[in-house]
Amino acid sequence: DEVAFKLHGYELGLVGRTLYPPVKTCINHDCT
């Protein structure tokens, strides 16, 4: 998979390792 990301992912902006926050929605209970 690392070879695939090196060969094909970089030109598409996919590097195989992108760190995202563990939450996908706001966790502030006061927030709409």
PDB file of all heavy atoms in Angstrom:
ATOM      1  N   ASP A   1       0.828  -1.204   0.000  1.00  0.00           N
ATOM      2  CA  ASP A   1       0.000   0.000   0.000  1.00  0.00           C
ATOM      3  C   ASP A   1       0.865   1.258   0.000  1.00  0.00           C
ATOM      4  O   ASP A   1       0.547   2.246  -0.666  1.00  0.00           O
ATOM      5  CB  ASP A   1      -0.946   0.010   1.194  1.00  0.00           C
ATOM      6  CG  ASP A   1      -2.026  -1.048   1.096  1.00  0.00           C
ATOM      7  OD1 ASP A   1      -2.344  -1.472  -0.034  1.00  0.00           O
ATOM      8  OD2 ASP A   1      -2.549  -1.470   2.142  1.00  0.00           O
ATOM      9  N   GLU A   2       1.969   1.245   0.732  1.00  0.00           N
ATOM     10  CA  GLU A   2       2.863   2.409   0.748  1.00  0.00           C
ATOM     11  C   GLU A   2       3.427   2.681  -0.642  1.00  0.00           C
ATOM     12  O   GLU A   2       3.503   3.834  -1.064  1.00  0.00           O
ATOM     13  CB  GLU A   2       4.010   2.199   1.749  1.00  0.00           C
ATOM     14  CG  GLU A   2       3.584   2.481   3.161  1.00  0.00           C
ATOM     15  CD  GLU A   2       4.745   2.774   4.073  1.00  0.00           C
ATOM     16  OE1 GLU A   2       5.784   3.297   3.606  1.00  0.00           O
ATOM     17  OE2 GLU A   2       4.599   2.492   5.264  1.00  0.00           O
ATOM     18  N   VAL A   3       3.804   1.623  -1.354  1.00  0.00           N
ATOM     19  CA  VAL A   3       4.297   1.787  -2.728  1.00  0.00           C
ATOM     20  C   VAL A   3       3.199   2.374  -3.606  1.00  0.00           C
ATOM     21  O   VAL A   3       3.444   3.283  -4.411  1.00  0.00           O
ATOM     22  CB  VAL A   3       4.814   0.441  -3.294  1.00  0.00           C
ATOM     23  CG1 VAL A   3       5.071   0.532  -4.789  1.00  0.00           C
ATOM     24  CG2 VAL A   3       6.073   0.001  -2.561  1.00  0.00           C
ATOM     25  N   ALA A   4       1.981   1.899  -3.445  1.00  0.00           N
ATOM     26  CA  ALA A   4       0.854   2.407  -4.246  1.00  0.00           C
ATOM     27  C   ALA A   4       0.629   3.895  -3.979  1.00  0.00           C
ATOM     28  O   ALA A   4       0.408   4.669  -4.917  1.00  0.00           O
ATOM     29  CB  ALA A   4      -0.411   1.612  -3.942  1.00  0.00           C
ATOM     30  N   PHE A   5       0.703   4.302  -2.712  1.00  0.00           N
ATOM     31  CA  PHE A   5       0.523   5.718  -2.404  1.00  0.00           C
ATOM     32  C   PHE A   5       1.669   6.551  -2.970  1.00  0.00           C
ATOM     33  O   PHE A   5       1.452   7.657  -3.461  1.00  0.00           O
ATOM     34  CB  PHE A   5       0.383   5.939  -0.894  1.00  0.00           C
ATOM     35  CG  PHE A   5      -0.988   5.632  -0.373  1.00  0.00           C
ATOM     36  CD1 PHE A   5      -1.236   4.484   0.366  1.00  0.00           C
ATOM     37  CD2 PHE A   5      -2.045   6.493  -0.629  1.00  0.00           C
ATOM     38  CE1 PHE A   5      -2.508   4.204   0.844  1.00  0.00           C
ATOM     39  CE2 PHE A   5      -3.321   6.215  -0.159  1.00  0.00           C
ATOM     40  CZ  PHE A   5      -3.552   5.072   0.578  1.00  0.00           C
ATOM     41  N   LYS A   6       2.892   6.031  -2.919  1.00  0.00           N
ATOM     42  CA  LYS A   6       4.034   6.766  -3.479  1.00  0.00           C
ATOM     43  C   LYS A   6       3.911   6.916  -4.988  1.00  0.00           C
ATOM     44  O   LYS A   6       4.191   7.974  -5.543  1.00  0.00           O
ATOM     45  CB  LYS A   6       5.348   6.063  -3.135  1.00  0.00           C
ATOM     46  CG  LYS A   6       5.798   6.276  -1.723  1.00  0.00           C
ATOM     47  CD  LYS A   6       7.109   5.563  -1.461  1.00  0.00           C
ATOM     48  CE  LYS A   6       7.487   5.671  -0.010  1.00  0.00           C
ATOM     49  NZ  LYS A   6       8.687   4.891   0.317  1.00  0.00           N
ATOM     50  N   LEU A   7       3.504   5.848  -5.664  1.00  0.00           N
ATOM     51  CA  LEU A   7       3.428   5.874  -7.125  1.00  0.00           C
ATOM     52  C   LEU A   7       2.211   6.637  -7.646  1.00  0.00           C
ATOM     53  O   LEU A   7       2.304   7.314  -8.668  1.00  0.00           O
ATOM     54  CB  LEU A   7       3.398   4.447  -7.683  1.00  0.00           C
ATOM     55  CG  LEU A   7       4.665   3.625  -7.534  1.00  0.00           C
ATOM     56  CD1 LEU A   7       4.439   2.204  -8.037  1.00  0.00           C
ATOM     57  CD2 LEU A   7       5.810   4.277  -8.298  1.00  0.00           C
ATOM     58  N   HIS A   8       1.077   6.512  -6.981  1.00  0.00           N
ATOM     59  CA  HIS A   8      -0.166   7.024  -7.551  1.00  0.00           C
ATOM     60  C   HIS A   8      -0.887   8.046  -6.680  1.00  0.00           C
ATOM     61  O   HIS A   8      -1.797   8.712  -7.166  1.00  0.00           O
ATOM     62  CB  HIS A   8      -1.135   5.864  -7.818  1.00  0.00           C
ATOM     63  CG  HIS A   8      -0.542   4.757  -8.619  1.00  0.00           C
ATOM     64  ND1 HIS A   8      -0.252   4.871  -9.954  1.00  0.00           N
ATOM     65  CD2 HIS A   8      -0.154   3.510  -8.254  1.00  0.00           C
ATOM     66  CE1 HIS A   8       0.268   3.739 -10.387  1.00  0.00           C
ATOM     67  NE2 HIS A   8       0.340   2.900  -9.373  1.00  0.00           N
ATOM     68  N   GLY A   9      -0.535   8.150  -5.421  1.00  0.00           N
ATOM     69  CA  GLY A   9      -1.319   8.984  -4.524  1.00  0.00           C
ATOM     70  C   GLY A   9      -0.908  10.440  -4.450  1.00  0.00           C
ATOM     71  O   GLY A   9      -1.747  11.318  -4.291  1.00  0.00           O
ATOM     72  N   TYR A  10       0.369  10.733  -4.590  1.00  0.00           N
ATOM     73  CA  TYR A  10       0.831  12.097  -4.365  1.00  0.00           C
ATOM     74  C   TYR A  10       0.249  13.095  -5.355  1.00  0.00           C
ATOM     75  O   TYR A  10      -0.124  14.198  -4.983  1.00  0.00           O
ATOM     76  CB  TYR A  10       2.359  12.168  -4.386  1.00  0.00           C
ATOM     77  CG  TYR A  10       2.959  11.601  -3.122  1.00  0.00           C
ATOM     78  CD1 TYR A  10       3.530  10.345  -3.100  1.00  0.00           C
ATOM     79  CD2 TYR A  10       2.921  12.323  -1.935  1.00  0.00           C
ATOM     80  CE1 TYR A  10       4.048   9.814  -1.934  1.00  0.00           C
ATOM     81  CE2 TYR A  10       3.439  11.813  -0.769  1.00  0.00           C
ATOM     82  CZ  TYR A  10       4.008  10.561  -0.770  1.00  0.00           C
ATOM     83  OH  TYR A  10       4.518  10.041   0.387  1.00  0.00           O
ATOM     84  N   GLU A  11       0.140  12.704  -6.635  1.00  0.00           N
ATOM     85  CA  GLU A  11      -0.411  13.654  -7.609  1.00  0.00           C
ATOM     86  C   GLU A  11      -1.896  13.911  -7.375  1.00  0.00           C
ATOM     87  O   GLU A  11      -2.448  14.886  -7.844  1.00  0.00           O
ATOM     88  CB  GLU A  11      -0.171  13.198  -9.051  1.00  0.00           C
ATOM     89  CG  GLU A  11      -0.918  11.958  -9.467  1.00  0.00           C
ATOM     90  CD  GLU A  11      -0.130  10.664  -9.320  1.00  0.00           C
ATOM     91  OE1 GLU A  11       0.952  10.686  -8.706  1.00  0.00           O
ATOM     92  OE2 GLU A  11      -0.597   9.638  -9.826  1.00  0.00           O
ATOM     93  N   LEU A  12      -2.563  13.038  -6.622  1.00  0.00           N
ATOM     94  CA  LEU A  12      -3.983  13.214  -6.319  1.00  0.00           C
ATOM     95  C   LEU A  12      -4.201  13.784  -4.920  1.00  0.00           C
ATOM     96  O   LEU A  12      -5.325  13.933  -4.465  1.00  0.00           O
ATOM     97  CB  LEU A  12      -4.713  11.870  -6.449  1.00  0.00           C
ATOM     98  CG  LEU A  12      -4.690  11.244  -7.834  1.00  0.00           C
ATOM     99  CD1 LEU A  12      -5.222   9.822  -7.792  1.00  0.00           C
ATOM    100  CD2 LEU A  12      -5.493  12.080  -8.813  1.00  0.00           C
ATOM    101  N   GLY A  13      -3.109  14.084  -4.213  1.00  0.00           N
ATOM    102  CA  GLY A  13      -3.232  14.628  -2.864  1.00  0.00           C
ATOM    103  C   GLY A  13      -3.458  13.577  -1.797  1.00  0.00           C
ATOM    104  O   GLY A  13      -3.813  13.900  -0.671  1.00  0.00           O
ATOM    105  N   LEU A  14      -3.250  12.297  -2.128  1.00  0.00           N
ATOM    106  CA  LEU A  14      -3.423  11.211  -1.164  1.00  0.00           C
ATOM    107  C   LEU A  14      -2.058  10.634  -0.834  1.00  0.00           C
ATOM    108  O   LEU A  14      -1.381  10.110  -1.701  1.00  0.00           O
ATOM    109  CB  LEU A  14      -4.322  10.117  -1.752  1.00  0.00           C
ATOM    110  CG  LEU A  14      -5.706  10.583  -2.230  1.00  0.00           C
ATOM    111  CD1 LEU A  14      -6.399   9.464  -2.987  1.00  0.00           C
ATOM    112  CD2 LEU A  14      -6.540  11.031  -1.055  1.00  0.00           C
ATOM    113  N   VAL A  15      -1.636  10.755   0.414  1.00  0.00           N
ATOM    114  CA  VAL A  15      -0.302  10.296   0.782  1.00  0.00           C
ATOM    115  C   VAL A  15      -0.330   9.028   1.616  1.00  0.00           C
ATOM    116  O   VAL A  15       0.713   8.509   1.969  1.00  0.00           O
ATOM    117  CB  VAL A  15       0.498  11.390   1.539  1.00  0.00           C
ATOM    118  CG1 VAL A  15       0.767  12.561   0.633  1.00  0.00           C
ATOM    119  CG2 VAL A  15      -0.223  11.839   2.795  1.00  0.00           C
ATOM    120  N   GLY A  16      -1.496   8.538   1.923  1.00  0.00           N
ATOM    121  CA  GLY A  16      -1.577   7.302   2.691  1.00  0.00           C
ATOM    122  C   GLY A  16      -1.595   7.532   4.182  1.00  0.00           C
ATOM    123  O   GLY A  16      -2.197   6.780   4.915  1.00  0.00           O
ATOM    124  N   ARG A  17      -0.965   8.585   4.644  1.00  0.00           N
ATOM    125  CA  ARG A  17      -0.986   8.878   6.074  1.00  0.00           C
ATOM    126  C   ARG A  17      -1.382  10.339   6.246  1.00  0.00           C
ATOM    127  O   ARG A  17      -0.578  11.236   6.070  1.00  0.00           O
ATOM    128  CB  ARG A  17       0.375   8.601   6.709  1.00  0.00           C
ATOM    129  CG  ARG A  17       0.457   8.896   8.182  1.00  0.00           C
ATOM    130  CD  ARG A  17      -0.628   8.272   9.022  1.00  0.00           C
ATOM    131  NE  ARG A  17      -0.530   6.832   9.088  1.00  0.00           N
ATOM    132  CZ  ARG A  17      -1.483   6.044   9.568  1.00  0.00           C
ATOM    133  NH1 ARG A  17      -2.591   6.554  10.014  1.00  0.00           N
ATOM    134  NH2 ARG A  17      -1.339   4.761   9.589  1.00  0.00           N
ATOM    135  N   THR A  18      -2.638  10.550   6.533  1.00  0.00           N
ATOM    136  CA  THR A  18      -3.146  11.868   6.864  1.00  0.00           C
ATOM    137  C   THR A  18      -3.804  11.739   8.223  1.00  0.00           C
ATOM    138  O   THR A  18      -4.640  10.866   8.428  1.00  0.00           O
ATOM    139  CB  THR A  18      -4.174  12.361   5.823  1.00  0.00           C
ATOM    140  OG1 THR A  18      -3.559  12.389   4.539  1.00  0.00           O
ATOM    141  CG2 THR A  18      -4.661  13.750   6.161  1.00  0.00           C
ATOM    142  N   LEU A  19      -3.386  12.570   9.141  1.00  0.00           N
ATOM    143  CA  LEU A  19      -3.923  12.513  10.498  1.00  0.00           C
ATOM    144  C   LEU A  19      -5.102  13.466  10.618  1.00  0.00           C
ATOM    145  O   LEU A  19      -4.962  14.676  10.440  1.00  0.00           O
ATOM    146  CB  LEU A  19      -2.838  12.893  11.514  1.00  0.00           C
ATOM    147  CG  LEU A  19      -1.563  12.047  11.484  1.00  0.00           C
ATOM    148  CD1 LEU A  19      -0.591  12.538  12.558  1.00  0.00           C
ATOM    149  CD2 LEU A  19      -1.871  10.574  11.670  1.00  0.00           C
ATOM    150  N   TYR A  20      -6.271  12.900  10.860  1.00  0.00           N
ATOM    151  CA  TYR A  20      -7.497  13.657  11.068  1.00  0.00           C
ATOM    152  C   TYR A  20      -7.852  13.625  12.545  1.00  0.00           C
ATOM    153  O   TYR A  20      -7.489  12.680  13.253  1.00  0.00           O
ATOM    154  CB  TYR A  20      -8.656  13.020  10.290  1.00  0.00           C
ATOM    155  CG  TYR A  20      -8.682  13.320   8.818  1.00  0.00           C
ATOM    156  CD1 TYR A  20      -7.979  12.537   7.912  1.00  0.00           C
ATOM    157  CD2 TYR A  20      -9.446  14.376   8.326  1.00  0.00           C
ATOM    158  CE1 TYR A  20      -8.023  12.798   6.550  1.00  0.00           C
ATOM    159  CE2 TYR A  20      -9.498  14.640   6.969  1.00  0.00           C
ATOM    160  CZ  TYR A  20      -8.790  13.852   6.089  1.00  0.00           C
ATOM    161  OH  TYR A  20      -8.840  14.115   4.749  1.00  0.00           O
ATOM    162  N   PRO A  21      -8.610  14.612  13.020  1.00  0.00           N
ATOM    163  CA  PRO A  21      -9.097  14.542  14.408  1.00  0.00           C
ATOM    164  C   PRO A  21      -9.966  13.297  14.600  1.00  0.00           C
ATOM    165  O   PRO A  21     -10.592  12.821  13.649  1.00  0.00           O
ATOM    166  CB  PRO A  21      -9.945  15.808  14.564  1.00  0.00           C
ATOM    167  CG  PRO A  21      -9.499  16.715  13.474  1.00  0.00           C
ATOM    168  CD  PRO A  21      -9.033  15.831  12.354  1.00  0.00           C
ATOM    169  N   PRO A  22     -10.034  12.770  15.815  1.00  0.00           N
ATOM    170  CA  PRO A  22     -10.843  11.568  16.046  1.00  0.00           C
ATOM    171  C   PRO A  22     -12.346  11.835  16.013  1.00  0.00           C
ATOM    172  O   PRO A  22     -13.127  10.896  16.000  1.00  0.00           O
ATOM    173  CB  PRO A  22     -10.399  11.112  17.432  1.00  0.00           C
ATOM    174  CG  PRO A  22      -9.897  12.339  18.099  1.00  0.00           C
ATOM    175  CD  PRO A  22      -9.312  13.189  17.011  1.00  0.00           C
ATOM    176  N   VAL A  23     -12.749  13.096  15.993  1.00  0.00           N
ATOM    177  CA  VAL A  23     -14.175  13.435  15.941  1.00  0.00           C
ATOM    178  C   VAL A  23     -14.515  13.970  14.558  1.00  0.00           C
ATOM    179  O   VAL A  23     -13.709  14.638  13.926  1.00  0.00           O
ATOM    180  CB  VAL A  23     -14.559  14.463  17.030  1.00  0.00           C
ATOM    181  CG1 VAL A  23     -14.366  13.876  18.412  1.00  0.00           C
ATOM    182  CG2 VAL A  23     -13.780  15.747  16.893  1.00  0.00           C
ATOM    183  N   LYS A  24     -15.699  13.653  14.095  1.00  0.00           N
ATOM    184  CA  LYS A  24     -16.156  14.099  12.772  1.00  0.00           C
ATOM    185  C   LYS A  24     -17.264  15.137  12.880  1.00  0.00           C
ATOM    186  O   LYS A  24     -17.598  15.799  11.919  1.00  0.00           O
ATOM    187  CB  LYS A  24     -16.668  12.905  11.945  1.00  0.00           C
ATOM    188  CG  LYS A  24     -15.691  11.756  11.857  1.00  0.00           C
ATOM    189  CD  LYS A  24     -14.397  12.180  11.209  1.00  0.00           C
ATOM    190  CE  LYS A  24     -13.402  11.041  11.239  1.00  0.00           C
ATOM    191  NZ  LYS A  24     -12.162  11.369  11.881  1.00  0.00           N
ATOM    192  N   THR A  25     -17.866  15.239  14.069  1.00  0.00           N
ATOM    193  CA  THR A  25     -18.892  16.244  14.344  1.00  0.00           C
ATOM    194  C   THR A  25     -18.465  17.013  15.590  1.00  0.00           C
ATOM    195  O   THR A  25     -17.667  16.515  16.392  1.00  0.00           O
ATOM    196  CB  THR A  25     -20.272  15.601  14.587  1.00  0.00           C
ATOM    197  OG1 THR A  25     -20.180  14.711  15.705  1.00  0.00           O
ATOM    198  CG2 THR A  25     -20.758  14.830  13.370  1.00  0.00           C
ATOM    199  N   CYS A  26     -19.001  18.209  15.750  1.00  0.00           N
ATOM    200  CA  CYS A  26     -18.683  19.031  16.916  1.00  0.00           C
ATOM    201  C   CYS A  26     -19.116  18.291  18.182  1.00  0.00           C
ATOM    202  O   CYS A  26     -20.189  17.689  18.225  1.00  0.00           O
ATOM    203  CB  CYS A  26     -19.384  20.383  16.808  1.00  0.00           C
ATOM    204  SG  CYS A  26     -18.905  21.537  18.122  1.00  0.00           S
ATOM    205  N   ILE A  27     -18.285  18.347  19.222  1.00  0.00           N
ATOM    206  CA  ILE A  27     -18.620  17.671  20.478  1.00  0.00           C
ATOM    207  C   ILE A  27     -18.953  18.661  21.587  1.00  0.00           C
ATOM    208  O   ILE A  27     -19.110  18.283  22.733  1.00  0.00           O
ATOM    209  CB  ILE A  27     -17.498  16.715  20.929  1.00  0.00           C
ATOM    210  CG1 ILE A  27     -16.156  17.423  21.053  1.00  0.00           C
ATOM    211  CG2 ILE A  27     -17.404  15.531  19.972  1.00  0.00           C
ATOM    212  CD1 ILE A  27     -15.033  16.558  21.598  1.00  0.00           C
ATOM    213  N   ASN A  28     -19.101  19.941  21.231  1.00  0.00           N
ATOM    214  CA  ASN A  28     -19.518  20.979  22.172  1.00  0.00           C
ATOM    215  C   ASN A  28     -21.037  20.901  22.317  1.00  0.00           C
ATOM    216  O   ASN A  28     -21.775  21.207  21.393  1.00  0.00           O
ATOM    217  CB  ASN A  28     -19.080  22.354  21.653  1.00  0.00           C
ATOM    218  CG  ASN A  28     -19.539  23.488  22.527  1.00  0.00           C
ATOM    219  OD1 ASN A  28     -20.171  23.291  23.564  1.00  0.00           O
ATOM    220  ND2 ASN A  28     -19.224  24.703  22.100  1.00  0.00           N
ATOM    221  N   HIS A  29     -21.528  20.487  23.470  1.00  0.00           N
ATOM    222  CA  HIS A  29     -22.954  20.262  23.681  1.00  0.00           C
ATOM    223  C   HIS A  29     -23.794  21.538  23.595  1.00  0.00           C
ATOM    224  O   HIS A  29     -25.009  21.468  23.432  1.00  0.00           O
ATOM    225  CB  HIS A  29     -23.202  19.560  25.021  1.00  0.00           C
ATOM    226  CG  HIS A  29     -22.612  18.201  25.070  1.00  0.00           C
ATOM    227  ND1 HIS A  29     -23.128  17.139  24.365  1.00  0.00           N
ATOM    228  CD2 HIS A  29     -21.520  17.715  25.722  1.00  0.00           C
ATOM    229  CE1 HIS A  29     -22.391  16.057  24.580  1.00  0.00           C
ATOM    230  NE2 HIS A  29     -21.413  16.374  25.405  1.00  0.00           N
ATOM    231  N   ASP A  30     -23.156  22.696  23.709  1.00  0.00           N
ATOM    232  CA  ASP A  30     -23.879  23.956  23.589  1.00  0.00           C
ATOM    233  C   ASP A  30     -24.002  24.424  22.138  1.00  0.00           C
ATOM    234  O   ASP A  30     -24.673  25.414  21.863  1.00  0.00           O
ATOM    235  CB  ASP A  30     -23.178  25.053  24.408  1.00  0.00           C
ATOM    236  CG  ASP A  30     -23.158  24.734  25.896  1.00  0.00           C
ATOM    237  OD1 ASP A  30     -24.120  24.090  26.376  1.00  0.00           O
ATOM    238  OD2 ASP A  30     -22.180  25.109  26.573  1.00  0.00           O
ATOM    239  N   CYS A  31     -23.371  23.735  21.234  1.00  0.00           N
ATOM    240  CA  CYS A  31     -23.306  24.146  19.827  1.00  0.00           C
ATOM    241  C   CYS A  31     -24.502  23.598  19.037  1.00  0.00           C
ATOM    242  O   CYS A  31     -24.888  22.438  19.207  1.00  0.00           O
ATOM    243  CB  CYS A  31     -21.995  23.645  19.217  1.00  0.00           C
ATOM    244  SG  CYS A  31     -21.790  24.066  17.494  1.00  0.00           S
ATOM    245  N   THR A  32     -25.046  24.429  18.165  1.00  0.00           N
ATOM    246  CA  THR A  32     -26.162  23.966  17.328  1.00  0.00           C
ATOM    247  C   THR A  32     -25.713  22.910  16.334  1.00  0.00           C
ATOM    248  O   THR A  32     -26.501  22.053  15.941  1.00  0.00           O
ATOM    249  CB  THR A  32     -26.826  25.143  16.581  1.00  0.00           C
ATOM    250  OG1 THR A  32     -25.829  25.815  15.807  1.00  0.00           O
ATOM    251  CG2 THR A  32     -27.474  26.107  17.550  1.00  0.00           C
TER     252      THR A  32
END
